[in-house]
């Protein structure tokens, strides 16, 4: 849900910026169409999709991650031991990143052998503070977590700390586009920021 809000903000930002230059009233997207829709079962908490949009991963309120094709065909379920709060997926859908309420980050290798999704634990470690959201840089083997102490921490796949970035209190969601070095942040009041970062 948090990433959906961040995505909505990203989609609306260019329209709002264009309008701000010409008038003071916001402009909303007025043309769109439903491409696909389906029922995901448990109330969704977070979602991620592959770069080619062929796979959708939905974290449910029940703690399970449902894996769907782009047309809503259920390909598998990954049952979590704890209560996940956020997920991310690498662009090809081969690695799933999950953080839970206790601060455990679990990285899964995802397999789609014979059309059925399955996951095996690649690594598991703990974040320094309670995680709020997660993003990844798979080409660099890095996991980025927004944590409850208002710090973004960068970890290796094995949980080794690689860097920190303090952020203002109230940041509730983050996203990172692979290979762009752009970090996108959203706070609870709807404030949006884009930061260029270096690794």
N, C-alpha and C. Protein backbone atom coordinates (compact mmCIF):
# COMPACT_ATOMS: atom_id res chain seq x y z
N UNK A 1 0.83 -1.19 0.00
CA UNK A 1 0.00 0.00 0.00
C UNK A 1 0.88 1.26 0.00
N UNK A 2 1.98 1.21 0.79
CA UNK A 2 2.86 2.37 0.85
C UNK A 2 3.46 2.65 -0.52
N UNK A 3 3.90 1.58 -1.20
CA UNK A 3 4.50 1.78 -2.51
C UNK A 3 3.47 2.23 -3.52
N UNK A 4 2.23 1.80 -3.33
CA UNK A 4 1.17 2.26 -4.22
C UNK A 4 1.00 3.76 -4.06
N UNK A 5 1.04 4.25 -2.82
CA UNK A 5 0.92 5.69 -2.60
C UNK A 5 2.11 6.43 -3.18
N UNK A 6 3.30 5.86 -3.00
CA UNK A 6 4.48 6.49 -3.57
C UNK A 6 4.39 6.52 -5.08
N UNK A 7 3.91 5.44 -5.68
CA UNK A 7 3.75 5.38 -7.12
C UNK A 7 2.74 6.41 -7.60
N UNK A 8 1.62 6.53 -6.88
CA UNK A 8 0.63 7.54 -7.25
C UNK A 8 1.25 8.93 -7.20
N UNK A 9 2.05 9.19 -6.18
CA UNK A 9 2.69 10.50 -6.07
C UNK A 9 3.63 10.73 -7.23
N UNK A 10 4.38 9.69 -7.61
CA UNK A 10 5.29 9.81 -8.74
C UNK A 10 4.53 10.10 -10.02
N UNK A 11 3.40 9.42 -10.21
CA UNK A 11 2.62 9.62 -11.42
C UNK A 11 1.99 11.01 -11.48
N UNK A 12 1.59 11.51 -10.33
CA UNK A 12 0.92 12.80 -10.30
C UNK A 12 1.90 13.97 -10.32
N UNK A 13 3.15 13.75 -9.90
CA UNK A 13 4.10 14.84 -9.78
C UNK A 13 4.32 15.60 -11.09
N UNK A 14 4.59 14.94 -12.24
CA UNK A 14 4.81 15.72 -13.47
C UNK A 14 3.59 16.57 -13.84
N UNK A 15 2.40 16.02 -13.67
CA UNK A 15 1.19 16.79 -13.99
C UNK A 15 1.06 17.99 -13.07
N UNK A 16 1.37 17.79 -11.79
CA UNK A 16 1.25 18.88 -10.85
C UNK A 16 2.30 19.96 -11.12
N UNK A 17 3.53 19.53 -11.48
CA UNK A 17 4.57 20.50 -11.78
C UNK A 17 4.22 21.31 -13.02
N UNK A 18 3.70 20.63 -14.04
CA UNK A 18 3.31 21.32 -15.27
C UNK A 18 2.21 22.33 -14.99
N UNK A 19 1.27 21.95 -14.15
CA UNK A 19 0.16 22.84 -13.84
C UNK A 19 0.61 24.00 -12.98
N UNK A 20 1.55 23.72 -12.07
CA UNK A 20 2.01 24.77 -11.17
C UNK A 20 2.63 25.92 -11.96
N UNK A 21 3.22 25.61 -13.10
CA UNK A 21 3.84 26.65 -13.91
C UNK A 21 2.78 27.54 -14.57
N UNK A 22 1.59 27.00 -14.82
CA UNK A 22 0.59 27.77 -15.55
C UNK A 22 -0.58 28.26 -14.68
N UNK A 23 -0.86 27.57 -13.58
CA UNK A 23 -1.95 28.00 -12.71
C UNK A 23 -1.72 27.49 -11.31
N UNK A 24 -2.58 27.91 -10.39
CA UNK A 24 -2.38 27.51 -9.00
C UNK A 24 -3.20 26.29 -8.62
N UNK A 25 -4.11 25.83 -9.47
CA UNK A 25 -4.92 24.67 -9.11
C UNK A 25 -4.28 23.38 -9.62
N UNK A 26 -4.32 22.30 -8.82
CA UNK A 26 -3.69 21.05 -9.24
C UNK A 26 -4.46 20.40 -10.40
N UNK A 27 -3.73 19.68 -11.22
CA UNK A 27 -4.33 18.96 -12.33
C UNK A 27 -4.23 17.47 -12.04
N UNK A 28 -5.29 16.74 -12.30
CA UNK A 28 -5.30 15.32 -12.03
C UNK A 28 -5.33 14.55 -13.34
N UNK A 29 -4.82 13.33 -13.31
CA UNK A 29 -4.87 12.48 -14.49
C UNK A 29 -6.33 12.18 -14.81
N UNK A 30 -6.74 12.45 -16.03
CA UNK A 30 -8.15 12.25 -16.37
C UNK A 30 -8.35 11.17 -17.44
N UNK A 31 -7.28 10.56 -17.87
CA UNK A 31 -7.42 9.46 -18.84
C UNK A 31 -6.67 8.25 -18.32
N UNK A 32 -7.38 7.17 -18.13
CA UNK A 32 -6.78 5.91 -17.71
C UNK A 32 -7.77 4.81 -18.01
N UNK A 33 -7.27 3.60 -18.02
CA UNK A 33 -8.16 2.46 -18.24
C UNK A 33 -7.63 1.26 -17.46
N UNK A 34 -8.52 0.40 -17.05
CA UNK A 34 -8.15 -0.81 -16.32
C UNK A 34 -7.62 -1.84 -17.32
N UNK A 35 -6.38 -2.29 -17.09
CA UNK A 35 -5.80 -3.30 -17.98
C UNK A 35 -6.14 -4.70 -17.47
N UNK A 36 -5.95 -4.93 -16.18
CA UNK A 36 -6.25 -6.21 -15.56
C UNK A 36 -6.66 -5.95 -14.12
N UNK A 37 -7.51 -6.78 -13.59
CA UNK A 37 -7.79 -6.73 -12.15
C UNK A 37 -8.18 -8.12 -11.69
N UNK A 38 -7.92 -8.40 -10.42
CA UNK A 38 -8.28 -9.68 -9.83
C UNK A 38 -8.30 -9.55 -8.32
N UNK A 39 -8.93 -10.49 -7.67
CA UNK A 39 -9.03 -10.52 -6.21
C UNK A 39 -7.77 -11.20 -5.66
N UNK A 40 -7.12 -10.54 -4.69
CA UNK A 40 -5.87 -11.09 -4.17
C UNK A 40 -6.05 -11.84 -2.84
N UNK A 41 -7.26 -12.02 -2.38
CA UNK A 41 -7.47 -12.76 -1.13
C UNK A 41 -7.34 -11.85 0.06
N UNK A 42 -6.31 -12.08 0.90
CA UNK A 42 -6.11 -11.26 2.10
C UNK A 42 -5.87 -9.81 1.72
N UNK A 43 -6.24 -8.90 2.62
CA UNK A 43 -6.02 -7.47 2.37
C UNK A 43 -4.55 -7.21 2.09
N UNK A 44 -4.24 -6.52 0.99
CA UNK A 44 -2.83 -6.29 0.65
C UNK A 44 -2.17 -5.26 1.55
N UNK A 45 -0.91 -5.50 1.87
CA UNK A 45 -0.10 -4.59 2.68
C UNK A 45 0.93 -3.89 1.80
N UNK A 46 1.49 -4.63 0.85
CA UNK A 46 2.52 -4.10 -0.04
C UNK A 46 2.53 -4.94 -1.30
N UNK A 47 3.15 -4.44 -2.36
CA UNK A 47 3.28 -5.23 -3.57
C UNK A 47 4.55 -4.83 -4.31
N UNK A 48 4.98 -5.68 -5.21
CA UNK A 48 6.12 -5.40 -6.07
C UNK A 48 5.88 -6.14 -7.37
N UNK A 49 6.43 -5.61 -8.46
CA UNK A 49 6.29 -6.30 -9.74
C UNK A 49 7.60 -6.25 -10.50
N UNK A 50 7.76 -7.21 -11.40
CA UNK A 50 8.98 -7.27 -12.19
C UNK A 50 9.00 -6.15 -13.21
N UNK A 51 10.18 -5.87 -13.72
CA UNK A 51 10.36 -4.77 -14.67
C UNK A 51 9.53 -4.97 -15.93
N UNK A 52 9.39 -6.23 -16.37
CA UNK A 52 8.61 -6.50 -17.58
C UNK A 52 7.12 -6.62 -17.29
N UNK A 53 6.73 -6.43 -16.03
CA UNK A 53 5.32 -6.45 -15.58
C UNK A 53 4.67 -7.83 -15.72
N UNK A 54 5.46 -8.89 -15.88
CA UNK A 54 4.89 -10.22 -16.07
C UNK A 54 4.58 -10.93 -14.76
N UNK A 55 5.20 -10.50 -13.65
CA UNK A 55 4.96 -11.10 -12.34
C UNK A 55 4.61 -10.02 -11.33
N UNK A 56 3.63 -10.32 -10.48
CA UNK A 56 3.22 -9.41 -9.41
C UNK A 56 3.29 -10.18 -8.10
N UNK A 57 3.96 -9.58 -7.11
CA UNK A 57 4.10 -10.18 -5.78
C UNK A 57 3.28 -9.33 -4.82
N UNK A 58 2.33 -9.95 -4.11
CA UNK A 58 1.44 -9.21 -3.21
C UNK A 58 1.60 -9.74 -1.79
N UNK A 59 2.03 -8.87 -0.89
CA UNK A 59 2.12 -9.20 0.53
C UNK A 59 0.76 -8.96 1.15
N UNK A 60 0.16 -10.00 1.70
CA UNK A 60 -1.15 -9.89 2.32
C UNK A 60 -1.07 -9.64 3.81
N UNK A 61 -2.19 -9.20 4.37
CA UNK A 61 -2.29 -8.96 5.81
C UNK A 61 -2.06 -10.24 6.60
N UNK A 62 -2.29 -11.39 5.97
CA UNK A 62 -2.07 -12.68 6.63
C UNK A 62 -0.59 -13.05 6.70
N UNK A 63 0.28 -12.21 6.13
CA UNK A 63 1.72 -12.45 6.19
C UNK A 63 2.27 -13.26 5.04
N UNK A 64 1.41 -13.74 4.14
CA UNK A 64 1.88 -14.53 3.00
C UNK A 64 2.10 -13.64 1.78
N UNK A 65 3.03 -14.07 0.93
CA UNK A 65 3.27 -13.38 -0.34
C UNK A 65 2.68 -14.24 -1.45
N UNK A 66 1.68 -13.69 -2.15
CA UNK A 66 1.06 -14.36 -3.28
C UNK A 66 1.77 -13.91 -4.55
N UNK A 67 2.02 -14.84 -5.45
CA UNK A 67 2.70 -14.53 -6.70
C UNK A 67 1.71 -14.77 -7.84
N UNK A 68 1.54 -13.74 -8.69
CA UNK A 68 0.58 -13.79 -9.78
C UNK A 68 1.25 -13.48 -11.11
N UNK A 69 0.66 -14.01 -12.16
CA UNK A 69 1.04 -13.57 -13.50
C UNK A 69 0.39 -12.22 -13.75
N UNK A 70 0.74 -11.58 -14.86
CA UNK A 70 0.20 -10.25 -15.17
C UNK A 70 -1.31 -10.27 -15.41
N UNK A 71 -1.87 -11.45 -15.66
CA UNK A 71 -3.32 -11.53 -15.89
C UNK A 71 -4.06 -12.08 -14.67
N UNK A 72 -3.37 -12.22 -13.55
CA UNK A 72 -4.02 -12.63 -12.31
C UNK A 72 -4.01 -14.11 -12.01
N UNK A 73 -3.30 -14.91 -12.81
CA UNK A 73 -3.20 -16.34 -12.53
C UNK A 73 -2.26 -16.54 -11.35
N UNK A 74 -2.74 -17.20 -10.29
CA UNK A 74 -1.91 -17.41 -9.11
C UNK A 74 -0.87 -18.48 -9.40
N UNK A 75 0.41 -18.11 -9.22
CA UNK A 75 1.52 -19.01 -9.53
C UNK A 75 2.10 -19.67 -8.29
N UNK A 76 1.80 -19.12 -7.13
CA UNK A 76 2.34 -19.71 -5.90
C UNK A 76 2.15 -18.80 -4.71
N UNK A 77 2.44 -19.34 -3.53
CA UNK A 77 2.36 -18.62 -2.27
C UNK A 77 3.61 -18.90 -1.46
N UNK A 78 4.20 -17.86 -0.92
CA UNK A 78 5.31 -18.02 0.01
C UNK A 78 4.78 -17.69 1.41
N UNK A 79 4.78 -18.70 2.28
CA UNK A 79 4.31 -18.50 3.65
C UNK A 79 5.44 -17.98 4.51
N UNK A 80 5.18 -16.91 5.22
CA UNK A 80 6.20 -16.29 6.07
C UNK A 80 6.03 -16.77 7.51
N UNK A 81 7.14 -16.89 8.21
CA UNK A 81 7.13 -17.33 9.59
C UNK A 81 6.65 -16.22 10.53
N UNK A 82 6.88 -14.97 10.14
CA UNK A 82 6.55 -13.84 11.01
C UNK A 82 5.61 -12.89 10.29
N UNK A 83 5.52 -11.65 10.75
CA UNK A 83 4.61 -10.67 10.16
C UNK A 83 5.39 -9.67 9.31
N UNK A 84 5.49 -9.91 8.00
CA UNK A 84 6.20 -8.98 7.13
C UNK A 84 5.50 -7.62 7.06
N UNK A 85 6.30 -6.56 6.86
CA UNK A 85 5.73 -5.22 6.72
C UNK A 85 5.97 -4.65 5.33
N UNK A 86 6.95 -5.18 4.59
CA UNK A 86 7.25 -4.65 3.26
C UNK A 86 8.03 -5.68 2.46
N UNK A 87 7.89 -5.58 1.12
CA UNK A 87 8.61 -6.46 0.21
C UNK A 87 9.17 -5.66 -0.95
N UNK A 88 10.14 -6.25 -1.63
CA UNK A 88 10.64 -5.73 -2.89
C UNK A 88 11.09 -6.93 -3.72
N UNK A 89 11.19 -6.74 -5.02
CA UNK A 89 11.59 -7.82 -5.92
C UNK A 89 12.64 -7.28 -6.88
N UNK A 90 13.59 -8.11 -7.27
CA UNK A 90 14.55 -7.64 -8.27
C UNK A 90 13.84 -7.54 -9.62
N UNK A 91 14.37 -6.77 -10.57
CA UNK A 91 13.65 -6.51 -11.82
C UNK A 91 13.24 -7.75 -12.60
N UNK A 92 13.99 -8.87 -12.47
CA UNK A 92 13.66 -10.08 -13.23
C UNK A 92 12.79 -11.06 -12.45
N UNK A 93 12.50 -10.77 -11.18
CA UNK A 93 11.65 -11.63 -10.38
C UNK A 93 12.37 -12.85 -9.81
N UNK A 94 13.69 -12.79 -9.72
CA UNK A 94 14.47 -13.93 -9.23
C UNK A 94 14.80 -13.85 -7.75
N UNK A 95 14.73 -12.64 -7.17
CA UNK A 95 15.08 -12.46 -5.75
C UNK A 95 14.00 -11.61 -5.09
N UNK A 96 13.46 -12.11 -3.99
CA UNK A 96 12.44 -11.41 -3.21
C UNK A 96 13.04 -10.99 -1.88
N UNK A 97 12.79 -9.74 -1.49
CA UNK A 97 13.29 -9.18 -0.24
C UNK A 97 12.10 -8.92 0.67
N UNK A 98 12.17 -9.40 1.92
CA UNK A 98 11.06 -9.27 2.86
C UNK A 98 11.60 -8.79 4.20
N UNK A 99 10.97 -7.75 4.77
CA UNK A 99 11.31 -7.34 6.13
C UNK A 99 10.07 -7.48 7.00
N UNK A 100 10.28 -7.88 8.26
CA UNK A 100 9.15 -8.09 9.15
C UNK A 100 9.21 -7.17 10.36
N UNK A 101 8.16 -7.23 11.18
CA UNK A 101 8.02 -6.35 12.33
C UNK A 101 9.15 -6.49 13.34
N UNK A 102 9.74 -7.67 13.42
CA UNK A 102 10.79 -7.91 14.41
C UNK A 102 12.15 -7.40 13.93
N UNK A 103 12.24 -6.95 12.67
CA UNK A 103 13.51 -6.45 12.14
C UNK A 103 14.29 -7.50 11.38
N UNK A 104 13.66 -8.60 11.03
CA UNK A 104 14.35 -9.63 10.26
C UNK A 104 14.17 -9.36 8.77
N UNK A 105 15.27 -9.36 8.06
CA UNK A 105 15.24 -9.24 6.60
C UNK A 105 15.57 -10.63 6.04
N UNK A 106 14.69 -11.13 5.19
CA UNK A 106 14.90 -12.43 4.56
C UNK A 106 14.95 -12.23 3.05
N UNK A 107 15.97 -12.79 2.44
CA UNK A 107 16.12 -12.73 0.99
C UNK A 107 15.86 -14.13 0.44
N UNK A 108 14.91 -14.22 -0.50
CA UNK A 108 14.53 -15.49 -1.10
C UNK A 108 14.98 -15.56 -2.55
N UNK A 109 15.49 -16.72 -2.95
CA UNK A 109 15.65 -17.02 -4.37
C UNK A 109 14.31 -17.52 -4.86
N UNK A 110 13.81 -16.97 -5.96
CA UNK A 110 12.51 -17.35 -6.51
C UNK A 110 12.72 -18.20 -7.76
N UNK A 111 12.01 -19.31 -7.81
CA UNK A 111 12.07 -20.21 -8.97
C UNK A 111 10.68 -20.35 -9.56
N UNK A 112 10.60 -20.38 -10.88
CA UNK A 112 9.32 -20.56 -11.58
C UNK A 112 9.37 -21.82 -12.44
N UNK A 113 10.01 -22.85 -11.94
CA UNK A 113 10.09 -24.12 -12.67
C UNK A 113 8.69 -24.65 -12.92
N UNK A 114 8.44 -25.09 -14.10
CA UNK A 114 7.15 -25.68 -14.52
C UNK A 114 5.96 -24.75 -14.26
N UNK A 115 6.21 -23.43 -14.22
CA UNK A 115 5.12 -22.48 -14.08
C UNK A 115 4.61 -22.27 -12.68
N UNK A 116 5.20 -22.96 -11.69
CA UNK A 116 4.77 -22.80 -10.30
C UNK A 116 5.89 -22.09 -9.53
N UNK A 117 5.53 -21.02 -8.81
CA UNK A 117 6.52 -20.24 -8.07
C UNK A 117 6.90 -20.94 -6.77
N UNK A 118 8.18 -20.89 -6.46
CA UNK A 118 8.69 -21.47 -5.22
C UNK A 118 9.82 -20.57 -4.74
N UNK A 119 10.05 -20.56 -3.45
CA UNK A 119 11.11 -19.73 -2.89
C UNK A 119 11.96 -20.49 -1.90
N UNK A 120 13.26 -20.22 -1.92
CA UNK A 120 14.18 -20.80 -0.93
C UNK A 120 14.97 -19.66 -0.31
N UNK A 121 15.25 -19.78 0.99
CA UNK A 121 15.94 -18.71 1.72
C UNK A 121 17.39 -18.63 1.25
N UNK A 122 17.77 -17.44 0.84
CA UNK A 122 19.15 -17.18 0.41
C UNK A 122 19.98 -16.68 1.59
N UNK A 123 19.40 -15.74 2.34
CA UNK A 123 20.06 -15.24 3.55
C UNK A 123 19.02 -14.61 4.46
N UNK A 124 19.39 -14.49 5.72
CA UNK A 124 18.48 -13.89 6.72
C UNK A 124 19.34 -13.19 7.76
N UNK A 125 18.96 -11.98 8.13
CA UNK A 125 19.69 -11.20 9.11
C UNK A 125 18.76 -10.14 9.69
N UNK A 126 19.25 -9.39 10.69
CA UNK A 126 18.41 -8.41 11.38
C UNK A 126 18.84 -6.98 11.04
N UNK A 127 17.84 -6.12 10.89
CA UNK A 127 18.12 -4.70 10.70
C UNK A 127 18.44 -4.08 12.05
N UNK A 128 19.02 -2.89 12.04
CA UNK A 128 19.40 -2.27 13.31
C UNK A 128 18.18 -1.77 14.08
N UNK A 129 17.19 -1.21 13.37
CA UNK A 129 15.96 -0.73 14.01
C UNK A 129 14.77 -1.37 13.29
N UNK A 130 13.57 -1.15 13.82
CA UNK A 130 12.38 -1.74 13.20
C UNK A 130 12.20 -1.20 11.78
N UNK A 131 12.08 -2.09 10.79
CA UNK A 131 11.95 -1.63 9.40
C UNK A 131 10.56 -1.09 9.09
N UNK A 132 10.52 -0.11 8.18
CA UNK A 132 9.27 0.50 7.72
C UNK A 132 9.03 0.15 6.26
N UNK A 133 10.11 0.18 5.45
CA UNK A 133 10.00 -0.13 4.03
C UNK A 133 11.35 -0.66 3.54
N UNK A 134 11.34 -1.22 2.34
CA UNK A 134 12.55 -1.85 1.80
C UNK A 134 12.64 -1.59 0.30
N UNK A 135 13.86 -1.47 -0.19
CA UNK A 135 14.13 -1.38 -1.62
C UNK A 135 15.45 -2.11 -1.86
N UNK A 136 15.78 -2.35 -3.12
CA UNK A 136 16.99 -3.11 -3.40
C UNK A 136 17.73 -2.57 -4.61
N UNK A 137 19.02 -2.82 -4.62
CA UNK A 137 19.88 -2.58 -5.78
C UNK A 137 20.52 -3.92 -6.12
N UNK A 138 19.82 -4.79 -6.84
CA UNK A 138 20.32 -6.15 -7.05
C UNK A 138 21.62 -6.23 -7.83
N UNK A 139 21.85 -5.29 -8.76
CA UNK A 139 23.09 -5.36 -9.52
C UNK A 139 24.31 -5.05 -8.67
N UNK A 140 24.08 -4.46 -7.48
CA UNK A 140 25.18 -4.18 -6.55
C UNK A 140 25.11 -5.05 -5.30
N UNK A 141 24.09 -5.91 -5.22
CA UNK A 141 23.96 -6.78 -4.06
C UNK A 141 23.65 -6.01 -2.79
N UNK A 142 22.82 -4.95 -2.90
CA UNK A 142 22.51 -4.10 -1.75
C UNK A 142 21.03 -4.09 -1.45
N UNK A 143 20.72 -4.01 -0.16
CA UNK A 143 19.35 -3.88 0.34
C UNK A 143 19.27 -2.56 1.11
N UNK A 144 18.26 -1.75 0.80
CA UNK A 144 18.09 -0.45 1.44
C UNK A 144 16.83 -0.51 2.28
N UNK A 145 16.96 -0.21 3.57
CA UNK A 145 15.79 -0.23 4.45
C UNK A 145 15.56 1.14 5.07
N UNK A 146 14.31 1.56 5.08
CA UNK A 146 13.88 2.72 5.86
C UNK A 146 13.51 2.16 7.22
N UNK A 147 14.14 2.69 8.29
CA UNK A 147 13.91 2.14 9.62
C UNK A 147 13.25 3.18 10.52
N UNK A 148 12.61 2.70 11.58
CA UNK A 148 11.75 3.53 12.42
C UNK A 148 12.49 4.64 13.16
N UNK A 149 13.81 4.56 13.24
CA UNK A 149 14.58 5.63 13.89
C UNK A 149 14.95 6.75 12.91
N UNK A 150 14.21 6.85 11.79
CA UNK A 150 14.41 7.88 10.77
C UNK A 150 15.80 7.82 10.13
N UNK A 151 16.23 6.61 9.88
CA UNK A 151 17.50 6.38 9.19
C UNK A 151 17.28 5.37 8.08
N UNK A 152 17.84 5.66 6.92
CA UNK A 152 17.89 4.68 5.84
C UNK A 152 19.24 3.99 5.95
N UNK A 153 19.21 2.67 6.03
CA UNK A 153 20.45 1.91 6.13
C UNK A 153 20.62 1.04 4.89
N UNK A 154 21.86 0.93 4.47
CA UNK A 154 22.21 0.12 3.31
C UNK A 154 22.97 -1.09 3.82
N UNK A 155 22.50 -2.29 3.43
CA UNK A 155 23.11 -3.54 3.85
C UNK A 155 23.53 -4.35 2.63
N UNK A 156 24.50 -5.23 2.83
CA UNK A 156 24.81 -6.22 1.81
C UNK A 156 23.80 -7.35 1.92
N UNK A 157 23.81 -8.27 0.96
CA UNK A 157 22.91 -9.42 1.01
C UNK A 157 23.12 -10.27 2.26
N UNK A 158 24.29 -10.15 2.89
CA UNK A 158 24.57 -10.92 4.11
C UNK A 158 24.29 -10.12 5.37
N UNK A 159 23.78 -8.89 5.22
CA UNK A 159 23.42 -8.08 6.38
C UNK A 159 24.53 -7.19 6.89
N UNK A 160 25.63 -7.07 6.16
CA UNK A 160 26.72 -6.18 6.58
C UNK A 160 26.35 -4.75 6.25
N UNK A 161 26.49 -3.85 7.23
CA UNK A 161 26.13 -2.44 7.00
C UNK A 161 27.11 -1.79 6.04
N UNK A 162 26.56 -1.12 5.01
CA UNK A 162 27.37 -0.47 3.99
C UNK A 162 27.27 1.04 4.03
N UNK A 163 26.25 1.58 4.70
CA UNK A 163 26.09 3.02 4.77
C UNK A 163 24.80 3.41 5.45
N UNK A 164 24.71 4.68 5.83
CA UNK A 164 23.51 5.21 6.47
C UNK A 164 23.16 6.57 5.88
N UNK A 165 21.88 6.91 5.92
CA UNK A 165 21.41 8.20 5.45
C UNK A 165 20.28 8.65 6.38
N UNK A 166 20.57 9.60 7.29
CA UNK A 166 19.49 10.12 8.14
C UNK A 166 18.47 10.85 7.28
N UNK A 167 17.19 10.70 7.63
CA UNK A 167 16.11 11.38 6.90
C UNK A 167 15.21 12.07 7.91
N UNK A 168 14.42 13.06 7.48
CA UNK A 168 13.51 13.73 8.41
C UNK A 168 12.50 12.75 9.02
N UNK A 169 12.08 13.02 10.22
CA UNK A 169 11.07 12.20 10.87
C UNK A 169 9.79 12.22 10.05
N UNK A 170 9.07 11.11 10.03
CA UNK A 170 7.80 11.05 9.33
C UNK A 170 7.87 10.43 7.95
N UNK A 171 9.08 10.11 7.46
CA UNK A 171 9.18 9.44 6.17
C UNK A 171 8.56 8.05 6.32
N UNK A 172 7.62 7.70 5.43
CA UNK A 172 6.89 6.46 5.59
C UNK A 172 7.07 5.47 4.44
N UNK A 173 7.68 5.91 3.34
CA UNK A 173 7.87 5.01 2.21
C UNK A 173 9.08 5.44 1.40
N UNK A 174 9.72 4.45 0.78
CA UNK A 174 10.85 4.75 -0.10
C UNK A 174 10.77 3.85 -1.32
N UNK A 175 11.41 4.30 -2.38
CA UNK A 175 11.55 3.48 -3.57
C UNK A 175 12.86 3.86 -4.23
N UNK A 176 13.41 2.94 -4.97
CA UNK A 176 14.70 3.15 -5.62
C UNK A 176 14.62 2.48 -6.98
N UNK A 177 14.88 3.23 -8.02
CA UNK A 177 14.87 2.65 -9.36
C UNK A 177 16.26 2.10 -9.65
N UNK A 178 16.39 0.79 -9.91
CA UNK A 178 17.71 0.22 -10.16
C UNK A 178 18.45 0.95 -11.27
N UNK A 179 19.73 1.14 -11.07
CA UNK A 179 20.66 1.78 -12.02
C UNK A 179 20.44 3.28 -12.20
N UNK A 180 19.51 3.88 -11.47
CA UNK A 180 19.28 5.32 -11.65
C UNK A 180 19.97 6.14 -10.57
N UNK A 181 20.32 5.51 -9.45
CA UNK A 181 20.86 6.21 -8.29
C UNK A 181 19.91 7.27 -7.75
N UNK A 182 18.62 7.11 -8.02
CA UNK A 182 17.62 8.04 -7.50
C UNK A 182 16.81 7.34 -6.41
N UNK A 183 16.75 7.97 -5.25
CA UNK A 183 15.99 7.47 -4.11
C UNK A 183 14.77 8.37 -3.96
N UNK A 184 13.58 7.77 -3.87
CA UNK A 184 12.33 8.51 -3.76
C UNK A 184 11.74 8.28 -2.38
N UNK A 185 11.35 9.38 -1.72
CA UNK A 185 10.83 9.31 -0.35
C UNK A 185 9.46 9.98 -0.28
N UNK A 186 8.62 9.45 0.59
CA UNK A 186 7.29 10.02 0.81
C UNK A 186 7.04 10.03 2.31
N UNK A 187 6.52 11.17 2.83
CA UNK A 187 6.21 11.18 4.25
C UNK A 187 4.71 11.10 4.48
N UNK A 188 4.31 11.02 5.74
CA UNK A 188 2.91 10.79 6.09
C UNK A 188 2.00 11.95 5.68
N UNK A 189 2.58 13.13 5.47
CA UNK A 189 1.80 14.29 5.07
C UNK A 189 1.75 14.47 3.55
N UNK A 190 2.30 13.51 2.82
CA UNK A 190 2.27 13.60 1.37
C UNK A 190 3.45 14.31 0.75
N UNK A 191 4.43 14.73 1.57
CA UNK A 191 5.62 15.37 1.03
C UNK A 191 6.45 14.34 0.26
N UNK A 192 6.90 14.73 -0.92
CA UNK A 192 7.63 13.83 -1.80
C UNK A 192 9.01 14.42 -2.06
N UNK A 193 10.04 13.58 -2.07
CA UNK A 193 11.38 14.05 -2.35
C UNK A 193 12.12 13.02 -3.21
N UNK A 194 12.96 13.50 -4.10
CA UNK A 194 13.81 12.63 -4.90
C UNK A 194 15.25 13.04 -4.63
N UNK A 195 16.08 12.08 -4.27
CA UNK A 195 17.47 12.33 -3.93
C UNK A 195 18.39 11.52 -4.82
N UNK A 196 19.46 12.15 -5.32
CA UNK A 196 20.47 11.38 -6.04
C UNK A 196 21.48 10.90 -5.03
N UNK A 197 21.75 9.62 -5.02
CA UNK A 197 22.68 9.06 -4.04
C UNK A 197 23.84 8.40 -4.77
N UNK A 198 24.96 8.30 -4.08
CA UNK A 198 26.13 7.66 -4.65
C UNK A 198 26.56 6.47 -3.82
N UNK A 199 26.90 5.37 -4.48
CA UNK A 199 27.39 4.19 -3.77
C UNK A 199 28.77 3.84 -4.28
